[in-house]
Protein backbone atom coordinates (compact mmCIF):
# COMPACT_ATOMS: atom_id res chain seq x y z
CA MET A 1 -16.63 64.47 -20.63
CA LYS A 2 -15.88 63.86 -24.33
CA PHE A 3 -18.77 62.95 -26.80
CA LEU A 4 -18.30 60.51 -29.72
CA LEU A 5 -19.75 62.03 -32.96
CA ALA A 6 -17.78 60.22 -35.54
CA ALA A 7 -20.73 57.85 -35.80
CA LEU A 8 -23.01 60.67 -36.83
CA ALA A 9 -22.07 60.69 -40.37
CA LEU A 10 -25.54 61.54 -41.86
CA GLY A 11 -24.91 60.88 -45.37
CA VAL A 12 -27.72 58.60 -46.64
CA ALA A 13 -26.15 55.50 -48.08
CA LEU A 14 -28.74 54.44 -50.83
CA PRO A 15 -28.73 51.51 -53.04
CA ALA A 16 -27.39 53.02 -56.22
CA GLN A 17 -24.54 52.08 -58.83
CA ALA A 18 -21.23 54.27 -58.48
CA PHE A 19 -21.06 56.24 -61.86
CA ALA A 20 -19.17 59.43 -62.49
CA ALA A 21 -21.36 62.33 -61.49
CA VAL A 22 -21.93 65.32 -64.16
CA PRO A 23 -22.23 68.76 -62.89
CA ALA A 24 -25.74 70.50 -63.53
CA ALA A 25 -25.74 73.11 -66.21
CA ALA A 26 -29.49 74.29 -65.98
CA PRO A 27 -31.08 76.02 -63.14
CA VAL A 28 -32.90 73.85 -60.65
CA ALA A 29 -36.25 74.30 -59.16
CA GLU A 30 -35.67 75.68 -55.85
CA GLY A 31 -38.87 73.98 -54.38
CA ASP A 32 -37.68 70.57 -55.52
CA LEU A 33 -34.13 70.78 -54.14
CA GLN A 34 -35.30 71.99 -50.74
CA LYS A 35 -37.98 69.32 -50.51
CA LEU A 36 -35.36 66.44 -51.58
CA VAL A 37 -32.88 67.97 -48.88
CA ALA A 38 -35.55 67.82 -46.36
CA LEU A 39 -36.43 64.31 -47.03
CA LEU A 40 -32.85 63.33 -46.86
CA ALA A 41 -31.98 65.12 -43.52
CA PRO A 42 -35.35 65.05 -41.75
CA GLU A 43 -35.35 66.71 -38.28
CA GLU A 44 -36.91 64.07 -36.41
CA SER A 45 -34.43 61.44 -37.65
CA VAL A 46 -31.36 63.44 -37.28
CA GLY A 47 -32.73 64.18 -33.66
CA ARG A 48 -33.21 60.56 -32.99
CA ILE A 49 -29.56 59.50 -34.31
CA ALA A 50 -28.03 62.24 -32.45
CA GLY A 51 -29.58 60.98 -29.15
CA ARG A 52 -28.29 57.28 -29.96
CA ALA A 53 -24.83 58.64 -31.01
CA PHE A 54 -24.51 60.40 -27.66
CA ASP A 55 -25.50 57.37 -25.68
CA LEU A 56 -22.85 55.44 -27.74
CA GLY A 57 -20.15 58.19 -26.98
CA MET A 58 -21.11 58.35 -23.35
CA ASN A 59 -20.77 54.69 -22.71
CA GLN A 60 -17.48 54.62 -24.56
CA GLN A 61 -16.17 57.43 -22.42
CA LEU A 62 -17.40 55.95 -19.15
CA ALA A 63 -15.72 52.63 -20.23
CA ALA A 64 -12.42 54.35 -20.75
CA ASP A 65 -12.47 56.12 -17.52
CA PRO A 66 -12.64 53.74 -14.57
CA LYS A 67 -12.90 56.45 -11.91
CA VAL A 68 -16.00 58.18 -13.63
CA LYS A 69 -17.48 54.77 -14.46
CA ALA A 70 -17.23 53.93 -10.59
CA ILE A 71 -19.13 57.10 -9.55
CA TYR A 72 -21.99 56.23 -12.01
CA ASP A 73 -22.02 52.61 -11.02
CA ALA A 74 -22.44 53.57 -7.34
CA ASN A 75 -25.17 55.89 -8.32
CA PRO A 76 -27.70 54.22 -10.59
CA GLY A 77 -29.83 57.20 -10.94
CA LEU A 78 -26.97 59.51 -12.00
CA ARG A 79 -26.78 58.03 -15.45
CA GLU A 80 -30.60 58.52 -16.08
CA GLN A 81 -30.85 62.18 -14.82
CA VAL A 82 -27.33 63.66 -15.93
CA GLY A 83 -27.27 61.56 -19.05
CA GLY A 84 -30.86 62.44 -20.01
CA GLN A 85 -30.17 66.11 -19.49
CA LEU A 86 -26.78 66.16 -21.48
CA ARG A 87 -28.54 64.15 -24.39
CA ASP A 88 -31.44 66.54 -24.73
CA GLN A 89 -29.14 69.47 -24.83
CA PHE A 90 -26.81 67.62 -27.37
CA THR A 91 -29.79 66.72 -29.41
CA ARG A 92 -31.08 70.52 -29.47
CA ILE A 93 -27.52 71.77 -30.47
CA LEU A 94 -27.57 69.58 -33.65
CA VAL A 95 -31.21 69.95 -34.54
CA ALA A 96 -30.74 73.91 -34.25
CA ALA A 97 -27.56 73.58 -36.68
CA LEU A 98 -29.57 71.54 -39.22
CA PRO A 99 -30.17 74.21 -41.52
CA SER A 100 -26.30 74.57 -42.28
CA LEU A 101 -26.22 70.82 -42.91
CA ARG A 102 -29.12 71.01 -45.24
CA GLY A 103 -27.36 74.03 -46.96
CA GLU A 104 -24.25 71.90 -47.69
CA ILE A 105 -26.12 68.83 -48.93
CA ALA A 106 -28.16 71.28 -51.29
CA GLY A 107 -24.88 72.43 -52.67
CA ILE A 108 -23.68 68.94 -53.33
CA ILE A 109 -26.74 67.84 -55.01
CA MET A 110 -27.28 70.96 -57.22
CA ALA A 111 -23.68 70.52 -58.27
CA GLU A 112 -23.88 66.80 -59.21
CA LEU A 113 -27.47 66.33 -60.30
CA THR A 114 -29.47 68.07 -63.11
CA PRO A 115 -32.90 69.47 -62.39
CA GLY A 116 -34.52 66.79 -64.12
CA GLU A 117 -32.56 64.12 -61.97
CA ILE A 118 -33.33 66.13 -58.70
CA ALA A 119 -37.05 65.91 -59.67
CA ASP A 120 -36.87 62.12 -60.33
CA THR A 121 -35.05 61.66 -56.97
CA LEU A 122 -37.68 63.65 -55.22
CA THR A 123 -40.37 61.66 -56.80
CA PHE A 124 -38.79 58.39 -55.81
CA PHE A 125 -38.07 59.33 -52.12
CA ALA A 126 -41.64 60.72 -51.60
CA SER A 127 -43.32 57.50 -53.12
CA PRO A 128 -44.01 54.56 -50.60
CA PRO A 129 -41.02 52.35 -51.81
CA GLY A 130 -38.71 55.57 -51.38
CA GLN A 131 -40.24 56.18 -47.88
CA LYS A 132 -39.24 52.71 -46.81
CA VAL A 133 -35.72 53.21 -48.22
CA ARG A 134 -35.30 56.30 -46.23
CA ALA A 135 -36.80 54.84 -42.92
CA GLN A 136 -34.76 51.82 -43.08
CA VAL A 137 -31.46 53.84 -43.73
CA TYR A 138 -32.04 55.96 -40.76
CA GLU A 139 -33.19 53.02 -38.69
CA THR A 140 -29.97 51.11 -39.52
CA MET A 141 -27.89 54.26 -38.74
CA GLY A 142 -29.66 54.70 -35.50
CA SER A 143 -29.45 51.09 -34.29
CA ALA A 144 -25.72 50.94 -34.58
CA PRO A 145 -24.34 54.26 -35.13
CA GLY A 146 -20.72 53.17 -34.66
CA GLN A 147 -20.89 51.27 -38.14
CA SER A 148 -18.96 52.49 -41.21
CA PRO A 149 -20.83 54.02 -44.02
CA GLN A 150 -20.14 50.99 -45.94
CA GLU A 151 -21.60 48.67 -43.26
CA MET A 152 -24.39 50.76 -42.91
CA GLN A 153 -25.18 50.88 -46.58
CA GLN A 154 -25.02 47.05 -46.99
CA ALA A 155 -27.21 46.26 -43.76
CA ALA A 156 -29.64 49.14 -45.08
CA ILE A 157 -29.99 47.65 -48.49
CA ALA A 158 -30.55 44.07 -47.25
CA ALA A 159 -33.10 45.34 -44.81
CA VAL A 160 -34.93 47.30 -47.41
CA MET A 161 -35.21 44.43 -50.00
CA GLU A 162 -36.83 42.34 -47.36
CA LYS A 163 -39.45 44.93 -46.91
CA MET A 164 -40.19 45.63 -50.55
CA THR A 165 -43.69 44.26 -51.98
CA PRO A 166 -44.51 43.30 -55.44
CA GLU A 167 -46.32 46.88 -55.72
CA ASP A 168 -43.04 48.50 -54.76
CA TYR A 169 -40.85 47.13 -57.63
CA PRO A 170 -42.13 49.15 -60.51
CA ALA A 171 -41.07 52.58 -58.78
CA LEU A 172 -37.80 50.91 -57.50
CA MET A 173 -36.71 49.46 -60.54
CA ALA A 174 -37.67 52.56 -62.46
CA PHE A 175 -35.49 54.76 -60.22
CA ALA A 176 -32.70 52.23 -60.16
CA GLY A 177 -32.45 52.54 -64.00
CA SER A 178 -32.40 56.34 -63.86
CA THR A 179 -29.16 58.60 -64.29
CA ALA A 180 -30.35 60.18 -60.96
CA ALA A 181 -29.85 56.88 -59.20
CA GLN A 182 -26.79 56.12 -60.94
CA LYS A 183 -25.17 59.50 -59.85
CA MET A 184 -26.11 58.86 -56.16
CA GLY A 185 -23.44 56.21 -55.76
CA SER A 186 -20.98 59.21 -56.09
CA VAL A 187 -23.19 61.79 -54.44
CA ASN A 188 -23.74 59.85 -51.23
CA PRO A 189 -19.99 59.70 -50.17
CA LYS A 190 -19.83 63.40 -50.66
CA ILE A 191 -22.86 63.84 -48.43
CA ALA A 192 -21.39 61.49 -45.82
CA THR A 193 -18.16 63.29 -45.67
CA ALA A 194 -19.78 66.72 -45.43
CA SER A 195 -21.93 65.60 -42.65
CA GLN A 196 -19.42 64.01 -40.58
CA ALA A 197 -17.34 67.24 -40.92
CA TRP A 198 -20.46 69.17 -40.00
CA ALA A 199 -21.10 67.04 -36.88
CA LEU A 200 -17.45 66.89 -35.62
CA LYS A 201 -17.14 70.67 -35.98
CA LEU A 202 -20.28 71.16 -33.82
CA VAL A 203 -18.83 68.82 -31.07
CA ALA A 204 -15.51 70.85 -31.19
CA ALA A 205 -17.43 74.04 -30.75
CA ASN A 206 -19.79 72.84 -28.14
CA ARG A 207 -17.34 70.47 -26.03
CA PRO A 208 -16.42 73.21 -23.48
CA GLN A 209 -20.16 73.85 -22.73
CA MET A 210 -20.99 70.19 -22.63
CA GLU A 211 -18.17 69.26 -20.39
CA GLY A 212 -18.96 72.00 -18.22
CA PHE A 213 -22.50 71.34 -17.78
CA ALA A 214 -21.66 67.67 -17.10
CA THR A 215 -19.29 68.56 -14.24
CA ARG A 216 -22.02 70.89 -12.52
CA ALA A 217 -24.74 68.24 -13.18
CA VAL A 218 -22.87 65.71 -11.56
CA ALA A 219 -21.80 67.85 -8.79
CA ASP A 220 -25.36 68.89 -8.05
CA TYR A 221 -26.71 65.35 -7.95
CA LEU A 222 -24.17 64.03 -5.47
CA ARG A 223 -24.64 67.14 -3.33
CA LYS A 224 -28.46 66.60 -3.23
CA LYS A 225 -27.95 62.95 -2.45
CA ARG A 226 -25.76 63.74 0.38
CA GLY A 227 -27.88 66.44 1.65
């Protein structure tokens, strides 16, 4: 069974204007960089999106294979048991590889933002309005992982603005007017591209293992049902 992961482009599409990025010249505070990357690629959110992307991929694969779909339709418990096991295994694979993705994101941010801009970005995303932005972006990605990055960005921005309160606007406007926010317009596509490549590479590397597990799990389920 093949598993669709193109939807798992984990680049965070943030509400920022697109300006040319300027490479950083000064050393960046390692703590700020790592904290920012952890906020942009949190383990819990990545795991949740991985599970939803798996479900989407499995649905599409079953729809494309009438014979396999007929087996699942004839055995209602098969999807829950086998699909659940595969989803858990798939999620563990991605979460275990998350440090490598964070390393790539850190490299992109360090090359594009100055130390001060990294600190400004960290301050915003750790603030209440920044937390709302991050939560909504991942909620949008998780609810419709088949959307394009542009569609996700538009949906996330619209949803975020509906949830903003008057108390949120000072921090939001301050960050929106900063050079850090301006540069995120060019940083986000690079993060999205790197994230998608990371996910697809993991899929390719683990596909034989996952397909073998799926075949054995289905056979075991049907054998126990007959027995």
